[in-house]
Amino acid sequence: MALQQLEHRVISRHHQLDIVFVHGLTGDREEIWKMNDTSDPWPATLLPSKVANARILTFGYDAYVADWRGMVSRNRIGNHSMNLLAAVATHREDDNTNDRPVIFVCHSLGGLVCEDALAMAQQRPERRLKQILHCTRGIIFFGTPHHG
């Protein structure tokens, strides 16, 4: 899985802010953000009119950690965190937006993945990864189990 831009209306160079959505357990990078009977995720339809200068991105990862038959995903939070960090850094590096502010919007397990990614960014020697931490201006958590 990787990072994907949700809306393509506005050319990326006009954006001044990245908003990255990170889904939770058993979620999907697009489906989890859809309202009943809608075809598009609400961040793609609502946010461009409210925050016109923001690029809306969503990160997907294997969030099926278990089902009634047993373990499904062998990845751990640290794996997902590093993938999130690398995906965001690469996406921003590819279009030369490394210094742009970023806000994360996280649901459930996605909040833990994001927290771990930012802690990892502080510890890593690579400037492009540290830059994600330095540019983070906010994190919004929805149903994140911070204490288990």
C-alpha atoms as a PDB file:
ATOM      1  CA  MET A   1       0.000   0.000   0.000  1.00  0.00           C
ATOM      2  CA  ALA A   2       1.082   3.566  -0.314  1.00  0.00           C
ATOM      3  CA  LEU A   3       0.127   7.198  -0.311  1.00  0.00           C
ATOM      4  CA  GLN A   4      -2.547   8.416  -2.694  1.00  0.00           C
ATOM      5  CA  GLN A   5      -3.885  11.856  -3.487  1.00  0.00           C
ATOM      6  CA  LEU A   6      -7.673  11.910  -3.011  1.00  0.00           C
ATOM      7  CA  GLU A   7      -8.555  14.940  -5.062  1.00  0.00           C
ATOM      8  CA  HIS A   8      -6.994  16.080  -8.300  1.00  0.00           C
ATOM      9  CA  ARG A   9      -8.887  19.340  -8.936  1.00  0.00           C
ATOM     10  CA  VAL A  10      -6.161  21.719  -7.955  1.00  0.00           C
ATOM     11  CA  ILE A  11      -2.624  21.534  -9.290  1.00  0.00           C
ATOM     12  CA  SER A  12      -0.265  20.436  -6.532  1.00  0.00           C
ATOM     13  CA  ARG A  13       2.035  23.463  -6.734  1.00  0.00           C
ATOM     14  CA  HIS A  14      -0.853  25.704  -5.549  1.00  0.00           C
ATOM     15  CA  HIS A  15      -1.208  23.720  -2.355  1.00  0.00           C
ATOM     16  CA  GLN A  16       0.404  25.109   0.782  1.00  0.00           C
ATOM     17  CA  LEU A  17      -0.533  22.319   3.202  1.00  0.00           C
ATOM     18  CA  ASP A  18      -0.719  18.523   3.163  1.00  0.00           C
ATOM     19  CA  ILE A  19      -3.483  16.732   5.064  1.00  0.00           C
ATOM     20  CA  VAL A  20      -2.763  13.007   5.387  1.00  0.00           C
ATOM     21  CA  PHE A  21      -5.559  10.613   6.391  1.00  0.00           C
ATOM     22  CA  VAL A  22      -4.497   7.344   8.059  1.00  0.00           C
ATOM     23  CA  HIS A  23      -7.212   4.690   8.494  1.00  0.00           C
ATOM     24  CA  GLY A  24      -7.602   2.272  11.387  1.00  0.00           C
ATOM     25  CA  LEU A  25      -8.237  -1.422  11.996  1.00  0.00           C
ATOM     26  CA  THR A  26      -9.730  -3.338   9.054  1.00  0.00           C
ATOM     27  CA  GLY A  27      -9.956  -0.042   7.187  1.00  0.00           C
ATOM     28  CA  ASP A  28      -9.177   0.911   3.635  1.00  0.00           C
ATOM     29  CA  ARG A  29      -7.542   4.150   2.555  1.00  0.00           C
ATOM     30  CA  GLU A  30     -10.700   5.266   0.729  1.00  0.00           C
ATOM     31  CA  GLU A  31     -13.657   3.166   1.888  1.00  0.00           C
ATOM     32  CA  ILE A  32     -13.310   4.039   5.590  1.00  0.00           C
ATOM     33  CA  TRP A  33     -13.732   7.742   4.800  1.00  0.00           C
ATOM     34  CA  LYS A  34     -16.967   7.323   2.808  1.00  0.00           C
ATOM     35  CA  MET A  35     -20.393   8.185   4.182  1.00  0.00           C
ATOM     36  CA  ASN A  36     -23.406   5.965   3.542  1.00  0.00           C
ATOM     37  CA  ASP A  37     -24.404   5.765  -0.131  1.00  0.00           C
ATOM     38  CA  THR A  38     -21.606   8.036  -1.401  1.00  0.00           C
ATOM     39  CA  SER A  39     -19.109   7.185  -4.097  1.00  0.00           C
ATOM     40  CA  ASP A  40     -16.282   9.481  -2.981  1.00  0.00           C
ATOM     41  CA  PRO A  41     -14.536   9.803   0.397  1.00  0.00           C
ATOM     42  CA  TRP A  42     -15.778  12.814   2.372  1.00  0.00           C
ATOM     43  CA  PRO A  43     -12.272  14.373   2.628  1.00  0.00           C
ATOM     44  CA  ALA A  44     -12.141  14.555  -1.184  1.00  0.00           C
ATOM     45  CA  THR A  45     -15.567  16.168  -1.517  1.00  0.00           C
ATOM     46  CA  LEU A  46     -15.743  18.374   1.591  1.00  0.00           C
ATOM     47  CA  LEU A  47     -12.233  19.643   2.255  1.00  0.00           C
ATOM     48  CA  PRO A  48     -11.263  21.203  -1.121  1.00  0.00           C
ATOM     49  CA  SER A  49     -14.038  23.783  -0.719  1.00  0.00           C
ATOM     50  CA  LYS A  50     -13.202  24.456   2.947  1.00  0.00           C
ATOM     51  CA  VAL A  51      -9.383  24.272   2.807  1.00  0.00           C
ATOM     52  CA  ALA A  52      -8.633  25.139  -0.817  1.00  0.00           C
ATOM     53  CA  ASN A  53      -4.880  25.385  -0.275  1.00  0.00           C
ATOM     54  CA  ALA A  54      -4.585  21.799   1.069  1.00  0.00           C
ATOM     55  CA  ARG A  55      -3.506  18.681  -0.789  1.00  0.00           C
ATOM     56  CA  ILE A  56      -5.589  15.770   0.527  1.00  0.00           C
ATOM     57  CA  LEU A  57      -3.686  12.488   0.791  1.00  0.00           C
ATOM     58  CA  THR A  58      -4.547   9.104   2.238  1.00  0.00           C
ATOM     59  CA  PHE A  59      -2.226   6.331   3.383  1.00  0.00           C
ATOM     60  CA  GLY A  60      -3.179   2.691   3.006  1.00  0.00           C
ATOM     61  CA  TYR A  61      -1.724  -0.257   4.863  1.00  0.00           C
ATOM     62  CA  ASP A  62      -2.697  -3.828   5.781  1.00  0.00           C
ATOM     63  CA  ALA A  63      -4.865  -3.210   8.844  1.00  0.00           C
ATOM     64  CA  TYR A  64      -6.391  -6.667   9.060  1.00  0.00           C
ATOM     65  CA  VAL A  65      -4.470  -7.813  12.122  1.00  0.00           C
ATOM     66  CA  ALA A  66      -6.770 -10.724  13.026  1.00  0.00           C
ATOM     67  CA  ASP A  67      -9.989 -12.484  12.164  1.00  0.00           C
ATOM     68  CA  TRP A  68     -11.898 -15.376  13.720  1.00  0.00           C
ATOM     69  CA  ARG A  69      -9.468 -17.893  12.177  1.00  0.00           C
ATOM     70  CA  GLY A  70      -6.345 -16.226  13.621  1.00  0.00           C
ATOM     71  CA  MET A  71      -3.638 -13.760  12.593  1.00  0.00           C
ATOM     72  CA  VAL A  72      -3.919 -12.181   9.153  1.00  0.00           C
ATOM     73  CA  SER A  73      -1.240  -9.496   8.877  1.00  0.00           C
ATOM     74  CA  ARG A  74       2.290 -10.273   9.979  1.00  0.00           C
ATOM     75  CA  ASN A  75       3.248  -6.597   9.949  1.00  0.00           C
ATOM     76  CA  ARG A  76       3.654  -4.736  13.196  1.00  0.00           C
ATOM     77  CA  ILE A  77       2.955  -1.091  14.001  1.00  0.00           C
ATOM     78  CA  GLY A  78       6.651  -0.318  13.464  1.00  0.00           C
ATOM     79  CA  ASN A  79       6.489  -1.697   9.912  1.00  0.00           C
ATOM     80  CA  HIS A  80       3.420   0.370   9.090  1.00  0.00           C
ATOM     81  CA  SER A  81       4.979   3.435  10.740  1.00  0.00           C
ATOM     82  CA  MET A  82       8.137   3.215   8.677  1.00  0.00           C
ATOM     83  CA  ASN A  83       6.059   2.698   5.528  1.00  0.00           C
ATOM     84  CA  LEU A  84       3.964   5.782   6.358  1.00  0.00           C
ATOM     85  CA  LEU A  85       7.047   7.864   7.029  1.00  0.00           C
ATOM     86  CA  ALA A  86       8.809   6.728   3.851  1.00  0.00           C
ATOM     87  CA  ALA A  87       5.685   7.161   1.701  1.00  0.00           C
ATOM     88  CA  VAL A  88       5.034  10.717   2.890  1.00  0.00           C
ATOM     89  CA  ALA A  89       8.715  11.685   2.594  1.00  0.00           C
ATOM     90  CA  THR A  90       9.030  10.212  -0.907  1.00  0.00           C
ATOM     91  CA  HIS A  91       5.800  11.811  -2.129  1.00  0.00           C
ATOM     92  CA  ARG A  92       6.896  15.225  -0.867  1.00  0.00           C
ATOM     93  CA  GLU A  93      10.443  14.775  -2.149  1.00  0.00           C
ATOM     94  CA  ASP A  94       9.219  13.783  -5.631  1.00  0.00           C
ATOM     95  CA  ASP A  95       7.364  17.075  -6.102  1.00  0.00           C
ATOM     96  CA  ASN A  96       9.753  19.234  -4.050  1.00  0.00           C
ATOM     97  CA  THR A  97       7.282  20.015  -1.242  1.00  0.00           C
ATOM     98  CA  ASN A  98       9.489  18.858   1.670  1.00  0.00           C
ATOM     99  CA  ASP A  99       9.012  22.088   3.627  1.00  0.00           C
ATOM    100  CA  ARG A 100       5.224  22.209   3.374  1.00  0.00           C
ATOM    101  CA  PRO A 101       3.276  21.950   6.677  1.00  0.00           C
ATOM    102  CA  VAL A 102       1.469  18.657   7.235  1.00  0.00           C
ATOM    103  CA  ILE A 103      -1.527  17.661   9.354  1.00  0.00           C
ATOM    104  CA  PHE A 104      -2.372  14.024  10.052  1.00  0.00           C
ATOM    105  CA  VAL A 105      -5.955  12.813  10.532  1.00  0.00           C
ATOM    106  CA  CYS A 106      -5.911   9.356  12.099  1.00  0.00           C
ATOM    107  CA  HIS A 107      -8.532   6.776  13.004  1.00  0.00           C
ATOM    108  CA  SER A 108      -8.035   3.987  15.546  1.00  0.00           C
ATOM    109  CA  LEU A 109      -4.845   2.002  14.853  1.00  0.00           C
ATOM    110  CA  GLY A 110      -3.853   4.701  12.343  1.00  0.00           C
ATOM    111  CA  GLY A 111      -3.229   7.060  15.265  1.00  0.00           C
ATOM    112  CA  LEU A 112      -0.757   4.631  16.799  1.00  0.00           C
ATOM    113  CA  VAL A 113       0.921   4.168  13.422  1.00  0.00           C
ATOM    114  CA  CYS A 114       1.234   7.950  13.019  1.00  0.00           C
ATOM    115  CA  GLU A 115       2.559   8.501  16.557  1.00  0.00           C
ATOM    116  CA  ASP A 116       5.169   5.807  16.052  1.00  0.00           C
ATOM    117  CA  ALA A 117       6.133   7.226  12.643  1.00  0.00           C
ATOM    118  CA  LEU A 118       6.788  10.663  14.122  1.00  0.00           C
ATOM    119  CA  ALA A 119       8.799   9.177  17.008  1.00  0.00           C
ATOM    120  CA  MET A 120      10.755   7.183  14.445  1.00  0.00           C
ATOM    121  CA  ALA A 121      11.364  10.337  12.379  1.00  0.00           C
ATOM    122  CA  GLN A 122      13.039  11.944  15.372  1.00  0.00           C
ATOM    123  CA  GLN A 123      15.413   9.010  15.768  1.00  0.00           C
ATOM    124  CA  ARG A 124      16.312   8.415  12.126  1.00  0.00           C
ATOM    125  CA  PRO A 125      19.406  10.046  10.591  1.00  0.00           C
ATOM    126  CA  GLU A 126      17.802  10.767   7.189  1.00  0.00           C
ATOM    127  CA  ARG A 127      16.964  14.454   6.764  1.00  0.00           C
ATOM    128  CA  ARG A 128      13.948  13.714   4.540  1.00  0.00           C
ATOM    129  CA  LEU A 129      12.391  11.623   7.331  1.00  0.00           C
ATOM    130  CA  LYS A 130      13.184  14.151  10.072  1.00  0.00           C
ATOM    131  CA  GLN A 131      11.584  16.816   7.906  1.00  0.00           C
ATOM    132  CA  ILE A 132       8.166  15.147   8.283  1.00  0.00           C
ATOM    133  CA  LEU A 133       8.371  15.653  12.059  1.00  0.00           C
ATOM    134  CA  HIS A 134       9.568  19.262  11.709  1.00  0.00           C
ATOM    135  CA  CYS A 135       6.729  20.083   9.293  1.00  0.00           C
ATOM    136  CA  THR A 136       3.963  18.417  11.316  1.00  0.00           C
ATOM    137  CA  ARG A 137       1.594  21.124  12.555  1.00  0.00           C
ATOM    138  CA  GLY A 138      -1.138  18.930  13.971  1.00  0.00           C
ATOM    139  CA  ILE A 139      -2.593  15.474  14.471  1.00  0.00           C
ATOM    140  CA  ILE A 140      -6.301  14.742  14.792  1.00  0.00           C
ATOM    141  CA  PHE A 141      -7.140  11.440  16.479  1.00  0.00           C
ATOM    142  CA  PHE A 142     -10.474   9.620  16.089  1.00  0.00           C
ATOM    143  CA  GLY A 143     -10.909   6.663  18.417  1.00  0.00           C
ATOM    144  CA  THR A 144      -7.200   6.047  18.905  1.00  0.00           C
ATOM    145  CA  PRO A 145      -6.483   3.680  21.814  1.00  0.00           C
ATOM    146  CA  HIS A 146      -3.586   5.619  23.365  1.00  0.00           C
ATOM    147  CA  HIS A 147      -3.674   3.563  26.565  1.00  0.00           C
ATOM    148  CA  GLY A 148      -4.588   0.147  25.200  1.00  0.00           C
END
